[in-house]
Amino acid sequence: MNELRLGSHFAKSIAAKATLLRFLAVGGAATLGYILVCYFLQTLCGWPPFWASAVAYLAMVGFAYLAQRNFTFRSSRHHLISLPLYAALQSGCGLFAAVTVQVLVTTAQISALSASTVAAALSAAASYVISSSWIFSDRPGK
């Protein structure tokens, strides 16, 4: 009996690691897109850091939603439930990222690239925890 429990635990552990790796791959692609767009809007177009970050974040949301729902978490939760939740989460993460970039660039004098990277990493961590435990969870009551 203990062997069954151990095997079940091992399988769940492998599945959780695979989900995390998929999240990192999708998130990495979305984050790279965010960083590049944010950086170029600031440096080539002269946009203020806040607006460059907000537009870059918005540009990546559609791609990230579909990839995270269908590939990363393989959720069967209906779009009518998961999409508004994901939009709310990403709105919060996007606003957080925009404020973070603005503060780091204008008050801490950190480069646009470094500030964009820090904002993306912090937003990604929050997004993973909330997406995996609530937004794309197929467990009843979640």
C-alpha atoms as a PDB file:
ATOM      1  CA  MET A   1       0.000   0.000   0.000  1.00  0.00           C
ATOM      2  CA  ASN A   2       2.830   2.399   0.827  1.00  0.00           C
ATOM      3  CA  GLU A   3       4.345   1.622  -2.561  1.00  0.00           C
ATOM      4  CA  LEU A   4       1.128   2.796  -4.261  1.00  0.00           C
ATOM      5  CA  ARG A   5       1.147   6.022  -2.264  1.00  0.00           C
ATOM      6  CA  LEU A   6       4.808   6.573  -3.064  1.00  0.00           C
ATOM      7  CA  GLY A   7       4.184   5.889  -6.753  1.00  0.00           C
ATOM      8  CA  SER A   8       1.220   8.273  -6.777  1.00  0.00           C
ATOM      9  CA  HIS A   9       3.280  10.962  -5.052  1.00  0.00           C
ATOM     10  CA  PHE A  10       6.123  10.446  -7.535  1.00  0.00           C
ATOM     11  CA  ALA A  11       3.728  10.733 -10.506  1.00  0.00           C
ATOM     12  CA  LYS A  12       2.221  13.942  -9.097  1.00  0.00           C
ATOM     13  CA  SER A  13       5.699  15.326  -8.540  1.00  0.00           C
ATOM     14  CA  ILE A  14       6.700  14.566 -12.141  1.00  0.00           C
ATOM     15  CA  ALA A  15       3.460  16.121 -13.435  1.00  0.00           C
ATOM     16  CA  ALA A  16       3.998  19.248 -11.328  1.00  0.00           C
ATOM     17  CA  LYS A  17       7.545  19.608 -12.628  1.00  0.00           C
ATOM     18  CA  ALA A  18       6.366  19.165 -16.225  1.00  0.00           C
ATOM     19  CA  THR A  19       3.711  21.845 -15.693  1.00  0.00           C
ATOM     20  CA  LEU A  20       6.300  24.191 -14.249  1.00  0.00           C
ATOM     21  CA  LEU A  21       8.621  23.587 -17.203  1.00  0.00           C
ATOM     22  CA  ARG A  22       5.784  24.276 -19.661  1.00  0.00           C
ATOM     23  CA  PHE A  23       4.898  27.436 -17.729  1.00  0.00           C
ATOM     24  CA  LEU A  24       8.510  28.579 -17.877  1.00  0.00           C
ATOM     25  CA  ALA A  25       8.712  27.910 -21.629  1.00  0.00           C
ATOM     26  CA  VAL A  26       5.485  29.780 -22.437  1.00  0.00           C
ATOM     27  CA  GLY A  27       6.205  32.449 -19.861  1.00  0.00           C
ATOM     28  CA  GLY A  28       9.751  32.768 -21.139  1.00  0.00           C
ATOM     29  CA  ALA A  29       8.521  33.416 -24.673  1.00  0.00           C
ATOM     30  CA  ALA A  30       5.924  35.934 -23.446  1.00  0.00           C
ATOM     31  CA  THR A  31       8.449  37.555 -21.122  1.00  0.00           C
ATOM     32  CA  LEU A  32      11.029  37.870 -23.871  1.00  0.00           C
ATOM     33  CA  GLY A  33       8.397  39.496 -26.076  1.00  0.00           C
ATOM     34  CA  TYR A  34       7.435  41.843 -23.240  1.00  0.00           C
ATOM     35  CA  ILE A  35      11.044  42.822 -22.499  1.00  0.00           C
ATOM     36  CA  LEU A  36      11.870  43.476 -26.145  1.00  0.00           C
ATOM     37  CA  VAL A  37       8.736  45.510 -26.868  1.00  0.00           C
ATOM     38  CA  CYS A  38       9.087  47.472 -23.610  1.00  0.00           C
ATOM     39  CA  TYR A  39      12.755  48.180 -24.213  1.00  0.00           C
ATOM     40  CA  PHE A  40      12.317  49.234 -27.840  1.00  0.00           C
ATOM     41  CA  LEU A  41       9.301  51.448 -27.116  1.00  0.00           C
ATOM     42  CA  GLN A  42      11.408  53.292 -24.551  1.00  0.00           C
ATOM     43  CA  THR A  43      14.695  53.471 -26.404  1.00  0.00           C
ATOM     44  CA  LEU A  44      13.661  53.737 -30.066  1.00  0.00           C
ATOM     45  CA  CYS A  45      10.286  55.441 -29.748  1.00  0.00           C
ATOM     46  CA  GLY A  46      10.963  57.554 -26.666  1.00  0.00           C
ATOM     47  CA  TRP A  47       7.875  56.356 -24.793  1.00  0.00           C
ATOM     48  CA  PRO A  48       7.695  56.885 -21.015  1.00  0.00           C
ATOM     49  CA  PRO A  49       8.535  53.698 -19.105  1.00  0.00           C
ATOM     50  CA  PHE A  50       5.003  53.289 -17.688  1.00  0.00           C
ATOM     51  CA  TRP A  51       3.263  53.338 -21.086  1.00  0.00           C
ATOM     52  CA  ALA A  52       5.954  51.272 -22.789  1.00  0.00           C
ATOM     53  CA  SER A  53       5.539  48.586 -20.128  1.00  0.00           C
ATOM     54  CA  ALA A  54       1.732  48.681 -20.224  1.00  0.00           C
ATOM     55  CA  VAL A  55       1.569  48.331 -24.025  1.00  0.00           C
ATOM     56  CA  ALA A  56       4.211  45.593 -24.067  1.00  0.00           C
ATOM     57  CA  TYR A  57       2.338  43.662 -21.385  1.00  0.00           C
ATOM     58  CA  LEU A  58      -0.964  43.987 -23.219  1.00  0.00           C
ATOM     59  CA  ALA A  59       0.657  42.781 -26.438  1.00  0.00           C
ATOM     60  CA  MET A  60       1.607  39.479 -24.795  1.00  0.00           C
ATOM     61  CA  VAL A  61      -1.652  38.693 -22.931  1.00  0.00           C
ATOM     62  CA  GLY A  62      -3.545  36.943 -25.770  1.00  0.00           C
ATOM     63  CA  PHE A  63      -0.660  34.663 -26.633  1.00  0.00           C
ATOM     64  CA  ALA A  64       0.027  33.884 -22.983  1.00  0.00           C
ATOM     65  CA  TYR A  65      -3.625  33.099 -22.127  1.00  0.00           C
ATOM     66  CA  LEU A  66      -4.099  30.576 -24.909  1.00  0.00           C
ATOM     67  CA  ALA A  67      -0.727  28.937 -24.394  1.00  0.00           C
ATOM     68  CA  GLN A  68      -1.023  28.742 -20.605  1.00  0.00           C
ATOM     69  CA  ARG A  69      -4.607  27.421 -20.678  1.00  0.00           C
ATOM     70  CA  ASN A  70      -4.170  24.878 -23.473  1.00  0.00           C
ATOM     71  CA  PHE A  71      -0.515  23.863 -23.270  1.00  0.00           C
ATOM     72  CA  THR A  72       0.809  24.607 -19.784  1.00  0.00           C
ATOM     73  CA  PHE A  73      -2.097  23.738 -17.505  1.00  0.00           C
ATOM     74  CA  ARG A  74      -4.139  21.743 -20.045  1.00  0.00           C
ATOM     75  CA  SER A  75      -7.243  23.142 -18.449  1.00  0.00           C
ATOM     76  CA  SER A  76     -10.740  22.144 -19.459  1.00  0.00           C
ATOM     77  CA  ARG A  77     -12.223  25.073 -17.579  1.00  0.00           C
ATOM     78  CA  HIS A  78     -14.579  27.015 -19.836  1.00  0.00           C
ATOM     79  CA  HIS A  79     -13.276  30.246 -21.377  1.00  0.00           C
ATOM     80  CA  LEU A  80     -16.207  32.123 -19.834  1.00  0.00           C
ATOM     81  CA  ILE A  81     -14.698  31.356 -16.443  1.00  0.00           C
ATOM     82  CA  SER A  82     -10.955  31.301 -17.057  1.00  0.00           C
ATOM     83  CA  LEU A  83     -10.651  34.231 -19.495  1.00  0.00           C
ATOM     84  CA  PRO A  84     -12.114  36.941 -17.217  1.00  0.00           C
ATOM     85  CA  LEU A  85     -10.076  35.625 -14.279  1.00  0.00           C
ATOM     86  CA  TYR A  86      -6.911  35.587 -16.382  1.00  0.00           C
ATOM     87  CA  ALA A  87      -7.663  39.087 -17.709  1.00  0.00           C
ATOM     88  CA  ALA A  88      -8.073  40.370 -14.148  1.00  0.00           C
ATOM     89  CA  LEU A  89      -4.865  38.662 -13.025  1.00  0.00           C
ATOM     90  CA  GLN A  90      -2.905  40.024 -15.952  1.00  0.00           C
ATOM     91  CA  SER A  91      -4.372  43.504 -15.476  1.00  0.00           C
ATOM     92  CA  GLY A  92      -3.035  43.453 -11.940  1.00  0.00           C
ATOM     93  CA  CYS A  93       0.312  42.014 -12.994  1.00  0.00           C
ATOM     94  CA  GLY A  94       0.537  44.483 -15.877  1.00  0.00           C
ATOM     95  CA  LEU A  95      -0.167  47.472 -13.644  1.00  0.00           C
ATOM     96  CA  PHE A  96       2.337  46.179 -11.112  1.00  0.00           C
ATOM     97  CA  ALA A  97       4.948  45.745 -13.860  1.00  0.00           C
ATOM     98  CA  ALA A  98       4.293  49.225 -15.282  1.00  0.00           C
ATOM     99  CA  VAL A  99       4.616  50.898 -11.876  1.00  0.00           C
ATOM    100  CA  THR A 100       7.715  48.836 -11.081  1.00  0.00           C
ATOM    101  CA  VAL A 101       9.420  49.839 -14.339  1.00  0.00           C
ATOM    102  CA  GLN A 102       8.470  53.494 -13.850  1.00  0.00           C
ATOM    103  CA  VAL A 103       9.869  53.573 -10.309  1.00  0.00           C
ATOM    104  CA  LEU A 104      13.039  51.635 -11.101  1.00  0.00           C
ATOM    105  CA  VAL A 105      13.884  53.721 -14.175  1.00  0.00           C
ATOM    106  CA  THR A 106      12.966  57.173 -12.889  1.00  0.00           C
ATOM    107  CA  THR A 107      13.875  57.025  -9.194  1.00  0.00           C
ATOM    108  CA  ALA A 108      16.383  54.196  -8.838  1.00  0.00           C
ATOM    109  CA  GLN A 109      18.090  55.062 -12.158  1.00  0.00           C
ATOM    110  CA  ILE A 110      18.093  51.415 -13.266  1.00  0.00           C
ATOM    111  CA  SER A 111      18.347  50.768 -16.999  1.00  0.00           C
ATOM    112  CA  ALA A 112      15.163  50.154 -18.977  1.00  0.00           C
ATOM    113  CA  LEU A 113      16.280  46.601 -19.790  1.00  0.00           C
ATOM    114  CA  SER A 114      17.059  45.702 -16.168  1.00  0.00           C
ATOM    115  CA  ALA A 115      13.867  47.285 -14.877  1.00  0.00           C
ATOM    116  CA  SER A 116      11.764  45.477 -17.475  1.00  0.00           C
ATOM    117  CA  THR A 117      13.412  42.183 -16.566  1.00  0.00           C
ATOM    118  CA  VAL A 118      12.799  42.632 -12.824  1.00  0.00           C
ATOM    119  CA  ALA A 119       9.152  43.577 -13.425  1.00  0.00           C
ATOM    120  CA  ALA A 120       8.626  40.582 -15.701  1.00  0.00           C
ATOM    121  CA  ALA A 121      10.151  38.115 -13.229  1.00  0.00           C
ATOM    122  CA  LEU A 122       8.069  39.332 -10.294  1.00  0.00           C
ATOM    123  CA  SER A 123       4.884  39.343 -12.370  1.00  0.00           C
ATOM    124  CA  ALA A 124       5.608  35.838 -13.666  1.00  0.00           C
ATOM    125  CA  ALA A 125       6.001  34.438 -10.167  1.00  0.00           C
ATOM    126  CA  ALA A 126       2.648  35.849  -9.067  1.00  0.00           C
ATOM    127  CA  SER A 127       1.002  34.689 -12.286  1.00  0.00           C
ATOM    128  CA  TYR A 128       2.196  31.089 -11.859  1.00  0.00           C
ATOM    129  CA  VAL A 129       0.942  30.750  -8.308  1.00  0.00           C
ATOM    130  CA  ILE A 130      -2.484  32.230  -9.039  1.00  0.00           C
ATOM    131  CA  SER A 131      -2.940  30.529 -12.433  1.00  0.00           C
ATOM    132  CA  SER A 132      -2.003  27.057 -11.207  1.00  0.00           C
ATOM    133  CA  SER A 133      -3.981  27.182  -7.986  1.00  0.00           C
ATOM    134  CA  TRP A 134      -7.105  29.011  -9.134  1.00  0.00           C
ATOM    135  CA  ILE A 135      -7.576  30.257 -12.697  1.00  0.00           C
ATOM    136  CA  PHE A 136      -6.784  27.065 -14.609  1.00  0.00           C
ATOM    137  CA  SER A 137      -7.535  24.634 -11.806  1.00  0.00           C
ATOM    138  CA  ASP A 138     -10.009  21.977 -12.905  1.00  0.00           C
ATOM    139  CA  ARG A 139     -10.671  20.931  -9.311  1.00  0.00           C
ATOM    140  CA  PRO A 140     -14.259  21.483  -8.129  1.00  0.00           C
ATOM    141  CA  GLY A 141     -14.776  24.533  -5.959  1.00  0.00           C
ATOM    142  CA  LYS A 142     -11.724  26.355  -7.280  1.00  0.00           C
END
